[in-house]
Protein backbone atom coordinates (compact mmCIF):
# COMPACT_ATOMS: atom_id res chain seq x y z
CA MET A 1 -14.92 -64.26 49.81
CA ASN A 2 -16.65 -61.28 48.18
CA MET A 3 -16.22 -60.29 44.55
CA ARG A 4 -13.76 -57.50 45.37
CA SER A 5 -11.55 -59.95 47.27
CA VAL A 6 -11.74 -62.50 44.47
CA VAL A 7 -10.71 -59.95 41.86
CA ALA A 8 -7.92 -58.74 44.15
CA ALA A 9 -6.70 -62.31 44.45
CA CYS A 10 -6.87 -62.70 40.70
CA MET A 11 -4.76 -59.58 40.17
CA LEU A 12 -2.27 -60.93 42.72
CA VAL A 13 -1.94 -64.04 40.56
CA LEU A 14 -1.38 -61.85 37.50
CA SER A 15 1.24 -59.86 39.42
CA SER A 16 3.01 -63.07 40.39
CA MET A 17 2.92 -64.22 36.76
CA VAL A 18 4.45 -60.95 35.56
CA CYS A 19 7.12 -60.95 38.27
CA ALA A 20 7.98 -64.53 37.38
CA GLN A 21 8.87 -63.69 33.79
CA SER A 22 12.60 -63.46 34.46
CA VAL A 23 15.24 -64.05 31.81
CA ALA A 24 17.03 -66.47 34.10
CA GLY A 25 13.87 -68.50 34.64
CA LYS A 26 13.22 -68.72 30.91
CA LYS A 27 16.78 -69.80 30.18
CA GLU A 28 16.57 -72.49 32.85
CA VAL A 29 13.40 -73.95 31.33
CA GLN A 30 14.68 -73.69 27.77
CA SER A 31 17.99 -75.37 28.53
CA GLN A 32 16.57 -78.31 30.49
CA ILE A 33 13.39 -79.36 28.68
CA PRO A 34 13.34 -81.09 25.25
CA LEU A 35 11.05 -79.53 22.64
CA LYS A 36 8.29 -80.74 20.36
CA THR A 37 6.84 -78.95 17.33
CA PHE A 38 3.24 -78.11 16.47
CA THR A 39 2.46 -77.21 12.86
CA ASN A 40 -1.04 -76.08 11.92
CA PRO A 41 -2.63 -78.55 9.44
CA ASP A 42 -3.06 -75.79 6.85
CA GLY A 43 0.63 -74.91 7.14
CA ALA A 44 -0.05 -71.33 8.24
CA PHE A 45 2.02 -71.34 11.44
CA GLN A 46 4.27 -73.38 13.68
CA PHE A 47 5.60 -73.25 17.23
CA ASN A 48 7.86 -75.30 19.48
CA TYR A 49 6.90 -76.27 23.00
CA PRO A 50 8.49 -78.05 25.97
CA GLU A 51 7.53 -81.73 25.97
CA ILE A 52 6.25 -81.45 29.54
CA LEU A 53 3.24 -79.52 28.21
CA ILE A 54 0.10 -81.60 27.67
CA VAL A 55 -1.78 -81.41 24.37
CA CYS A 56 -5.45 -80.75 25.15
CA GLN A 57 -7.84 -82.58 22.84
CA GLN A 58 -11.26 -81.11 22.10
CA GLN A 59 -14.25 -83.43 22.38
CA THR A 60 -17.34 -83.11 20.20
CA GLN A 61 -19.31 -81.37 22.97
CA GLY A 62 -16.58 -78.74 23.33
CA ALA A 63 -14.88 -79.98 26.50
CA ARG A 64 -11.11 -80.40 26.56
CA VAL A 65 -9.35 -83.53 27.82
CA PRO A 66 -7.56 -84.52 29.95
CA ALA A 67 -9.91 -82.45 32.12
CA LYS A 68 -7.62 -82.35 35.16
CA ASN A 69 -5.07 -80.36 33.12
CA CYS A 70 -7.15 -78.64 30.44
CA SER A 71 -10.29 -77.53 32.28
CA ALA A 72 -11.15 -75.29 35.23
CA TYR A 73 -14.12 -73.37 36.64
CA HIS A 74 -13.18 -70.58 34.23
CA PRO A 75 -12.29 -71.78 30.69
CA VAL A 76 -8.55 -71.78 30.02
CA CYS A 77 -8.11 -73.42 26.63
CA ASP A 78 -9.62 -70.56 24.65
CA ALA A 79 -8.83 -66.90 25.11
CA GLU A 80 -11.44 -65.09 27.20
CA THR A 81 -12.29 -62.61 24.45
CA PRO A 82 -16.03 -62.22 23.73
CA GLU A 83 -15.70 -62.60 19.95
CA LYS A 84 -16.59 -66.01 18.55
CA HIS A 85 -13.47 -67.92 17.59
CA THR A 86 -12.18 -71.37 16.68
CA GLY A 87 -9.56 -73.05 18.85
CA ILE A 88 -6.63 -74.52 16.93
CA ALA A 89 -4.23 -75.65 19.65
CA CYS A 90 -4.14 -75.74 23.43
CA LEU A 91 -1.29 -76.93 25.65
CA ALA A 92 -1.52 -77.24 29.42
CA TYR A 93 1.08 -77.23 32.16
CA PRO A 94 0.98 -80.51 34.14
CA LYS A 95 0.49 -81.16 37.83
CA ASN A 96 4.00 -81.50 39.23
CA LYS A 97 6.08 -80.37 42.20
CA PHE A 98 5.51 -76.72 41.25
CA THR A 99 1.72 -76.96 40.80
CA ASP A 100 0.70 -79.88 43.02
CA THR A 101 -1.79 -77.91 45.11
CA ASP A 102 -5.57 -77.43 45.06
CA ALA A 103 -4.98 -73.69 44.65
CA PHE A 104 -3.72 -74.34 41.12
CA GLU A 105 -6.42 -75.35 38.63
CA ALA A 106 -4.86 -75.00 35.17
CA ALA A 107 -2.49 -72.94 33.03
CA THR A 108 -2.40 -73.03 29.24
CA PHE A 109 -1.02 -71.65 26.01
CA SER A 110 -3.55 -71.58 23.20
CA VAL A 111 -3.98 -70.43 19.60
CA GLU A 112 -7.29 -69.39 18.06
CA VAL A 113 -8.57 -67.59 14.99
CA LEU A 114 -11.61 -65.28 14.95
CA ASP A 115 -14.53 -66.75 13.03
CA ARG A 116 -15.82 -63.52 11.52
CA SER A 117 -14.08 -61.51 8.84
CA VAL A 118 -12.32 -58.49 10.31
CA THR A 119 -9.98 -55.78 9.16
CA GLU A 120 -6.50 -55.42 10.62
CA GLN A 121 -7.73 -52.43 12.61
CA ASP A 122 -10.59 -54.45 14.11
CA CYS A 123 -8.32 -57.36 14.90
CA LEU A 124 -5.80 -55.29 16.84
CA ALA A 125 -8.35 -53.17 18.70
CA LYS A 126 -9.08 -53.79 22.38
CA PRO A 127 -11.76 -56.46 22.83
CA PRO A 128 -15.20 -54.97 23.68
CA ASP A 129 -15.11 -56.01 27.32
CA GLU A 130 -14.12 -53.94 30.34
CA LEU A 131 -12.08 -56.88 31.68
CA PHE A 132 -9.33 -56.18 29.14
CA GLU A 133 -6.51 -53.66 29.48
CA GLN A 134 -4.22 -52.85 26.58
CA ARG A 135 -0.50 -53.38 27.16
CA ALA A 136 2.66 -52.68 25.14
CA ARG A 137 2.92 -54.55 21.85
CA LEU A 138 5.07 -57.65 21.61
CA ARG A 139 7.12 -58.55 18.55
CA ILE A 140 7.45 -62.29 17.87
CA HIS A 141 9.64 -63.35 14.94
CA GLY A 142 9.14 -60.03 13.21
CA VAL A 143 5.37 -59.84 13.69
CA SER A 144 3.87 -57.19 15.98
CA PHE A 145 1.17 -58.53 18.31
CA ALA A 146 -1.32 -56.35 20.17
CA VAL A 147 -1.36 -57.39 23.84
CA PHE A 148 -4.29 -57.33 26.26
CA GLU A 149 -4.28 -58.32 29.92
CA PHE A 150 -7.37 -59.57 31.73
CA GLY A 151 -8.48 -60.94 35.07
CA GLU A 152 -11.79 -61.95 36.62
CA GLY A 153 -13.04 -63.97 39.54
CA GLY A 154 -16.10 -65.59 41.12
CA MET A 155 -17.11 -68.49 43.38
CA ASN A 156 -13.68 -68.40 45.10
CA GLN A 157 -11.96 -69.02 41.77
CA SER A 158 -10.21 -66.73 39.34
CA VAL A 159 -8.60 -66.63 35.92
CA GLY A 160 -6.13 -64.19 34.45
CA GLY A 161 -3.70 -63.89 31.61
CA HIS A 162 -2.81 -62.23 28.35
CA VAL A 163 -4.16 -62.26 24.80
CA TYR A 164 -1.86 -61.57 21.85
CA ARG A 165 -3.38 -60.66 18.47
CA ALA A 166 -1.95 -60.40 14.97
CA PHE A 167 -3.56 -59.98 11.56
CA HIS A 168 -2.04 -62.29 8.95
CA GLY A 169 -3.23 -63.64 5.62
CA GLY A 170 -6.62 -61.97 6.03
CA LYS A 171 -7.28 -63.66 9.39
CA CYS A 172 -7.15 -62.49 13.01
CA TYR A 173 -5.01 -64.86 15.07
CA GLN A 174 -4.89 -64.73 18.84
CA LEU A 175 -2.51 -66.42 21.22
CA GLY A 176 -3.41 -66.79 24.87
CA ILE A 177 -1.65 -67.56 28.13
CA ASN A 178 -4.21 -68.22 30.86
CA ALA A 179 -3.95 -69.33 34.48
CA ALA A 180 -6.88 -70.43 36.66
CA THR A 181 -6.58 -70.64 40.43
CA ALA A 182 -8.73 -71.28 43.48
CA ASN A 183 -8.81 -69.46 46.81
CA ALA A 184 -6.39 -71.43 48.98
CA ASP A 185 -8.28 -70.58 52.18
CA VAL A 186 -11.46 -72.48 51.26
CA PHE A 187 -9.70 -75.82 51.70
CA ASP A 188 -9.28 -77.60 55.03
CA PRO A 189 -6.44 -77.32 55.74
CA PRO A 190 -5.69 -74.31 53.51
CA ALA A 191 -3.95 -75.21 50.25
CA ARG A 192 -0.44 -74.13 49.43
CA GLU A 193 -0.14 -70.95 47.38
CA LEU A 194 2.15 -71.01 44.36
CA THR A 195 5.34 -69.02 44.90
CA LYS A 196 6.96 -66.66 42.40
CA GLU A 197 9.46 -69.44 41.70
CA ASP A 198 6.60 -71.85 40.94
CA TRP A 199 5.02 -69.35 38.55
CA ALA A 200 8.42 -68.85 36.89
CA GLN A 201 8.47 -72.53 35.95
CA VAL A 202 4.86 -72.50 34.71
CA ASN A 203 5.16 -69.31 32.70
CA GLY A 204 8.62 -70.14 31.40
CA ALA A 205 7.22 -73.22 29.65
CA LEU A 206 4.11 -71.46 28.30
CA GLU A 207 6.03 -68.41 27.14
CA GLN A 208 8.53 -70.59 25.34
CA ALA A 209 5.70 -71.81 23.11
CA ARG A 210 4.50 -68.23 22.63
CA ASP A 211 7.96 -66.88 21.82
CA SER A 212 8.60 -69.58 19.19
CA PHE A 213 5.35 -68.90 17.30
CA ARG A 214 5.94 -68.04 13.65
CA PHE A 215 3.88 -67.75 10.49
CA LEU A 216 5.16 -70.00 7.70
CA HIS A 217 3.63 -68.15 4.74
């Protein structure tokens, strides 16, 4: 598969993710799955997440475990922005009846903070990489987040998703929802592609964590 085809496949995944973001799908996930709470150790923010999501632990060498859920050819636990940042939390969707296929590698919700000091204007500006496209802002619990969509591919694998940025307490926070997939046709026999209904389940869980994010002070 050439690079143009890989990128096209990646954008198809992004399209499926966007189409899957139905209100009905979100309500179904929210009503059926018990929640857990993550609070940042410094008390700056908190979010709730469905208990089916797997907490990815960072090892000393930088890898995330369990690898089968938290790692892929393209990194998924940290937003794909080029600026150096520190990961605070990463939650992965598990392998289950919706994602039990070699075409699905990983999907995560993550929270990071930029390492360098930035102004609010710098924080909310489009990342300096042509992969990113600015989208309409999203308001979460009264805070306006700048939104950027991205997608890239290579070696029959692709990653796509959204980055959400907000400036708070002198820091630039970024939330990320990422999904990594593989070209289904490289497997023998070809792997099953995720349907829009499958993506609705995946994104419903990840977006529930995103939509519950709130700063505590």
